[in-house]
Amino acid sequence: MSSHELKTLLDQVADTREVVLRRPPARIADFDLWIDARDDAREAYRRWRAAPDADSYAVYRAAQDREDAAQDTLAQRG
């Protein structure tokens, strides 16, 4: 699968506005959601740079999108 095909496929996935939690919900704050998403995006970026292929890039972009959504939520709730 080419990176263009992969991007096209990912663009067709609906945004469900769901949040993936790494901690029990009772202990989660908006800031924690962003920190977790940022950490995941940084790790995905490191993996993509270490092994630059279409799959690792797609994982990085998905993680980056999650970080962006968490940051937007944090900004809205200020």
N, C-alpha and C. Protein backbone atom coordinates (compact mmCIF):
# COMPACT_ATOMS: atom_id res chain seq x y z
N MET A 1 0.84 -1.17 0.00
CA MET A 1 0.00 0.00 0.00
C MET A 1 0.89 1.24 0.00
N SER A 2 0.60 2.14 -0.89
CA SER A 2 1.39 3.37 -0.95
C SER A 2 0.96 4.32 0.15
N SER A 3 1.80 5.31 0.43
CA SER A 3 1.45 6.29 1.46
C SER A 3 0.22 7.10 1.03
N HIS A 4 0.07 7.34 -0.27
CA HIS A 4 -1.11 8.07 -0.76
C HIS A 4 -2.37 7.25 -0.51
N GLU A 5 -2.32 5.94 -0.80
CA GLU A 5 -3.47 5.08 -0.57
C GLU A 5 -3.81 5.02 0.92
N LEU A 6 -2.78 4.95 1.75
CA LEU A 6 -2.99 4.91 3.19
C LEU A 6 -3.63 6.20 3.70
N LYS A 7 -3.14 7.33 3.20
CA LYS A 7 -3.72 8.62 3.60
C LYS A 7 -5.17 8.71 3.15
N THR A 8 -5.45 8.27 1.94
CA THR A 8 -6.83 8.29 1.44
C THR A 8 -7.73 7.42 2.32
N LEU A 9 -7.23 6.27 2.69
CA LEU A 9 -8.00 5.37 3.56
C LEU A 9 -8.26 6.01 4.92
N LEU A 10 -7.23 6.60 5.52
CA LEU A 10 -7.39 7.23 6.84
C LEU A 10 -8.31 8.44 6.78
N ASP A 11 -8.30 9.16 5.66
CA ASP A 11 -9.19 10.31 5.53
C ASP A 11 -10.66 9.91 5.49
N GLN A 12 -10.93 8.65 5.16
CA GLN A 12 -12.31 8.16 5.09
C GLN A 12 -12.84 7.71 6.45
N VAL A 13 -11.97 7.61 7.45
CA VAL A 13 -12.40 7.20 8.78
C VAL A 13 -13.08 8.37 9.47
N ALA A 14 -14.30 8.12 9.93
CA ALA A 14 -15.08 9.19 10.56
C ALA A 14 -14.47 9.58 11.91
N ASP A 15 -14.53 10.87 12.21
CA ASP A 15 -14.09 11.37 13.51
C ASP A 15 -15.23 11.17 14.49
N THR A 16 -15.06 10.25 15.42
CA THR A 16 -16.11 9.93 16.38
C THR A 16 -16.04 10.79 17.64
N ARG A 17 -15.03 11.63 17.71
CA ARG A 17 -14.82 12.50 18.86
C ARG A 17 -14.65 11.70 20.15
N GLU A 18 -14.13 10.48 20.02
CA GLU A 18 -13.86 9.64 21.18
C GLU A 18 -12.45 9.91 21.67
N VAL A 19 -12.25 9.71 22.95
CA VAL A 19 -10.95 9.93 23.56
C VAL A 19 -10.43 8.60 24.09
N VAL A 20 -9.16 8.32 23.81
CA VAL A 20 -8.53 7.10 24.31
C VAL A 20 -7.84 7.45 25.63
N LEU A 21 -8.20 6.75 26.69
CA LEU A 21 -7.67 7.04 28.01
C LEU A 21 -6.60 6.03 28.40
N ARG A 22 -5.54 6.52 29.04
CA ARG A 22 -4.49 5.65 29.55
C ARG A 22 -4.55 5.52 31.06
N ARG A 23 -5.44 6.25 31.70
CA ARG A 23 -5.60 6.22 33.15
C ARG A 23 -7.07 6.00 33.48
N PRO A 24 -7.36 5.59 34.70
CA PRO A 24 -8.77 5.45 35.09
C PRO A 24 -9.50 6.79 34.96
N PRO A 25 -10.72 6.79 34.41
CA PRO A 25 -11.45 8.05 34.19
C PRO A 25 -11.57 8.95 35.41
N ALA A 26 -11.65 8.41 36.59
CA ALA A 26 -11.80 9.24 37.79
C ALA A 26 -10.58 10.11 38.04
N ARG A 27 -9.44 9.73 37.47
CA ARG A 27 -8.21 10.47 37.73
C ARG A 27 -7.75 11.30 36.53
N ILE A 28 -8.58 11.42 35.52
CA ILE A 28 -8.21 12.12 34.29
C ILE A 28 -8.66 13.58 34.32
N ALA A 29 -7.79 14.44 33.91
CA ALA A 29 -8.13 15.85 33.70
C ALA A 29 -7.80 16.18 32.25
N ASP A 30 -8.36 17.28 31.75
CA ASP A 30 -8.10 17.66 30.36
C ASP A 30 -6.60 17.79 30.09
N PHE A 31 -5.87 18.33 31.05
CA PHE A 31 -4.43 18.50 30.87
C PHE A 31 -3.75 17.15 30.72
N ASP A 32 -4.19 16.15 31.51
CA ASP A 32 -3.62 14.81 31.42
C ASP A 32 -3.87 14.19 30.05
N LEU A 33 -5.06 14.42 29.50
CA LEU A 33 -5.36 13.90 28.16
C LEU A 33 -4.38 14.45 27.14
N TRP A 34 -4.12 15.73 27.23
CA TRP A 34 -3.19 16.33 26.29
C TRP A 34 -1.77 15.81 26.50
N ILE A 35 -1.34 15.70 27.75
CA ILE A 35 0.01 15.19 28.04
C ILE A 35 0.18 13.77 27.50
N ASP A 36 -0.80 12.90 27.73
CA ASP A 36 -0.72 11.53 27.22
C ASP A 36 -0.66 11.53 25.70
N ALA A 37 -1.51 12.33 25.07
CA ALA A 37 -1.54 12.39 23.61
C ALA A 37 -0.22 12.96 23.07
N ARG A 38 0.31 13.97 23.72
CA ARG A 38 1.60 14.54 23.31
C ARG A 38 2.72 13.52 23.41
N ASP A 39 2.74 12.78 24.52
CA ASP A 39 3.78 11.76 24.70
C ASP A 39 3.68 10.67 23.63
N ASP A 40 2.44 10.25 23.34
CA ASP A 40 2.25 9.24 22.29
C ASP A 40 2.71 9.76 20.93
N ALA A 41 2.40 11.00 20.63
CA ALA A 41 2.79 11.58 19.34
C ALA A 41 4.31 11.69 19.24
N ARG A 42 4.96 12.08 20.32
CA ARG A 42 6.42 12.18 20.30
C ARG A 42 7.07 10.81 20.08
N GLU A 43 6.53 9.79 20.75
CA GLU A 43 7.07 8.44 20.59
C GLU A 43 6.83 7.93 19.17
N ALA A 44 5.65 8.18 18.64
CA ALA A 44 5.34 7.77 17.26
C ALA A 44 6.25 8.50 16.28
N TYR A 45 6.54 9.76 16.53
CA TYR A 45 7.45 10.51 15.66
C TYR A 45 8.85 9.90 15.70
N ARG A 46 9.33 9.57 16.89
CA ARG A 46 10.66 8.95 17.02
C ARG A 46 10.72 7.63 16.25
N ARG A 47 9.65 6.85 16.37
CA ARG A 47 9.62 5.56 15.66
C ARG A 47 9.59 5.75 14.15
N TRP A 48 8.83 6.73 13.69
CA TRP A 48 8.77 7.00 12.26
C TRP A 48 10.13 7.46 11.74
N ARG A 49 10.81 8.33 12.50
CA ARG A 49 12.14 8.81 12.06
C ARG A 49 13.16 7.68 12.07
N ALA A 50 13.03 6.72 12.98
CA ALA A 50 13.96 5.60 13.05
C ALA A 50 13.70 4.59 11.94
N ALA A 51 12.44 4.46 11.53
CA ALA A 51 12.08 3.51 10.47
C ALA A 51 11.02 4.17 9.59
N PRO A 52 11.47 5.09 8.71
CA PRO A 52 10.52 5.88 7.93
C PRO A 52 9.84 5.06 6.82
N ASP A 53 8.64 4.59 7.13
CA ASP A 53 7.84 3.90 6.12
C ASP A 53 6.39 4.37 6.25
N ALA A 54 5.55 3.92 5.35
CA ALA A 54 4.16 4.39 5.32
C ALA A 54 3.41 4.03 6.61
N ASP A 55 3.64 2.84 7.13
CA ASP A 55 2.92 2.43 8.34
C ASP A 55 3.30 3.29 9.54
N SER A 56 4.59 3.48 9.76
CA SER A 56 5.01 4.27 10.91
C SER A 56 4.59 5.73 10.76
N TYR A 57 4.54 6.22 9.52
CA TYR A 57 4.07 7.58 9.30
C TYR A 57 2.58 7.69 9.62
N ALA A 58 1.79 6.70 9.22
CA ALA A 58 0.35 6.72 9.51
C ALA A 58 0.10 6.70 11.01
N VAL A 59 0.88 5.91 11.73
CA VAL A 59 0.75 5.85 13.19
C VAL A 59 1.11 7.21 13.78
N TYR A 60 2.17 7.81 13.29
CA TYR A 60 2.57 9.14 13.78
C TYR A 60 1.47 10.18 13.52
N ARG A 61 0.92 10.19 12.29
CA ARG A 61 -0.10 11.19 11.97
C ARG A 61 -1.36 11.00 12.81
N ALA A 62 -1.74 9.75 13.06
CA ALA A 62 -2.91 9.49 13.91
C ALA A 62 -2.65 9.99 15.33
N ALA A 63 -1.46 9.74 15.83
CA ALA A 63 -1.11 10.21 17.17
C ALA A 63 -1.07 11.73 17.21
N GLN A 64 -0.57 12.35 16.15
CA GLN A 64 -0.52 13.81 16.09
C GLN A 64 -1.93 14.40 16.03
N ASP A 65 -2.82 13.75 15.29
CA ASP A 65 -4.21 14.21 15.24
C ASP A 65 -4.86 14.12 16.62
N ARG A 66 -4.57 13.05 17.34
CA ARG A 66 -5.10 12.90 18.70
C ARG A 66 -4.57 14.00 19.62
N GLU A 67 -3.29 14.32 19.47
CA GLU A 67 -2.73 15.41 20.28
C GLU A 67 -3.40 16.72 19.94
N ASP A 68 -3.59 16.98 18.66
CA ASP A 68 -4.25 18.23 18.24
C ASP A 68 -5.65 18.33 18.84
N ALA A 69 -6.41 17.22 18.80
CA ALA A 69 -7.77 17.23 19.36
C ALA A 69 -7.74 17.47 20.85
N ALA A 70 -6.80 16.86 21.54
CA ALA A 70 -6.70 17.07 22.99
C ALA A 70 -6.32 18.52 23.30
N GLN A 71 -5.43 19.08 22.50
CA GLN A 71 -5.03 20.47 22.71
C GLN A 71 -6.22 21.41 22.46
N ASP A 72 -7.01 21.12 21.43
CA ASP A 72 -8.20 21.94 21.16
C ASP A 72 -9.18 21.88 22.33
N THR A 73 -9.38 20.69 22.88
CA THR A 73 -10.27 20.52 24.02
C THR A 73 -9.76 21.32 25.22
N LEU A 74 -8.47 21.22 25.45
CA LEU A 74 -7.87 21.96 26.56
C LEU A 74 -8.05 23.47 26.38
N ALA A 75 -7.86 23.95 25.17
CA ALA A 75 -8.02 25.38 24.90
C ALA A 75 -9.46 25.85 25.08
N GLN A 76 -10.41 25.01 24.66
CA GLN A 76 -11.83 25.37 24.78
C GLN A 76 -12.29 25.44 26.23
N ARG A 77 -11.73 24.55 27.05
CA ARG A 77 -12.18 24.50 28.45
C ARG A 77 -11.35 25.41 29.36
N GLY A 78 -10.18 25.82 28.80
CA GLY A 78 -9.30 26.77 29.44
C GLY A 78 -9.24 26.71 30.90
